[in-house]
Amino acid sequence: MIDHLQEQKVSYFSHWCKAIKISAALFIHAFLPNILSDYASRHICDGTDVRAYEYSKDENGNYII
């Protein structure tokens, strides 16, 4: 757990706050798809447009980039 925080150079509390905000946005988006449609992507990917990637599935049916 601590390795992840050190790699991201964030404290436990700031990581928790960011995760809670993104989780709340995704929860709202699940019920109202037109609301906060790219909020999580913008905050997680740091400006990388994930829609620019082609997605395919691995042998277990999970999406991979």
Protein backbone atom coordinates (compact mmCIF):
# COMPACT_ATOMS: atom_id res chain seq x y z
CA MET A 1 0.00 0.00 0.00
CA ILE A 2 2.69 2.48 0.96
CA ASP A 3 4.65 1.74 -2.25
CA HIS A 4 1.73 2.98 -4.34
CA LEU A 5 1.51 6.21 -2.34
CA GLN A 6 5.26 6.80 -2.63
CA GLU A 7 5.19 6.14 -6.39
CA GLN A 8 2.40 8.69 -6.77
CA LYS A 9 4.10 11.10 -4.34
CA VAL A 10 0.93 11.69 -2.33
CA SER A 11 -0.06 11.36 1.29
CA TYR A 12 -2.59 8.80 2.45
CA PHE A 13 -5.18 11.51 3.15
CA SER A 14 -4.81 13.30 -0.21
CA HIS A 15 -5.00 9.95 -2.03
CA TRP A 16 -8.13 9.06 -0.04
CA CYS A 17 -9.78 12.41 -0.85
CA LYS A 18 -9.08 12.08 -4.57
CA ALA A 19 -10.36 8.48 -4.63
CA ILE A 20 -13.56 9.45 -2.79
CA LYS A 21 -14.24 12.37 -5.18
CA ILE A 22 -13.74 10.16 -8.24
CA SER A 23 -15.87 7.40 -6.70
CA ALA A 24 -18.69 9.86 -6.03
CA ALA A 25 -18.50 11.16 -9.59
CA LEU A 26 -18.66 7.61 -10.97
CA PHE A 27 -21.61 6.80 -8.72
CA ILE A 28 -23.53 9.82 -10.02
CA HIS A 29 -22.50 9.02 -13.60
CA ALA A 30 -23.82 5.45 -13.23
CA PHE A 31 -27.36 6.79 -12.77
CA LEU A 32 -27.09 9.93 -14.93
CA PRO A 33 -24.75 9.07 -17.84
CA ASN A 34 -24.78 12.59 -19.29
CA ILE A 35 -23.46 14.01 -16.01
CA LEU A 36 -19.72 13.96 -15.24
CA SER A 37 -19.10 11.85 -18.34
CA ASP A 38 -15.33 12.40 -18.40
CA TYR A 39 -14.61 13.53 -14.84
CA ALA A 40 -12.87 10.32 -13.75
CA SER A 41 -10.81 10.05 -16.93
CA ARG A 42 -9.61 13.63 -16.64
CA HIS A 43 -8.55 13.18 -13.03
CA ILE A 44 -7.02 9.72 -13.29
CA CYS A 45 -5.25 9.97 -16.65
CA ASP A 46 -3.67 13.40 -16.12
CA GLY A 47 -4.69 14.72 -19.51
CA THR A 48 -4.20 11.53 -21.49
CA ASP A 49 -7.23 11.00 -23.71
CA VAL A 50 -8.05 7.36 -23.02
CA ARG A 51 -10.57 7.38 -25.85
CA ALA A 52 -7.66 7.68 -28.29
CA TYR A 53 -6.54 4.13 -27.49
CA GLU A 54 -7.87 1.02 -29.15
CA TYR A 55 -9.15 -1.54 -26.71
CA SER A 56 -9.03 -5.28 -27.12
CA LYS A 57 -9.79 -8.20 -24.82
CA ASP A 58 -7.41 -10.71 -23.29
CA GLU A 59 -8.09 -14.44 -23.04
CA ASN A 60 -10.29 -13.87 -19.95
CA GLY A 61 -12.45 -11.25 -21.68
CA ASN A 62 -10.90 -8.30 -19.80
CA TYR A 63 -10.27 -5.12 -21.74
CA ILE A 64 -6.64 -4.18 -22.33
CA ILE A 65 -4.99 -1.25 -24.08
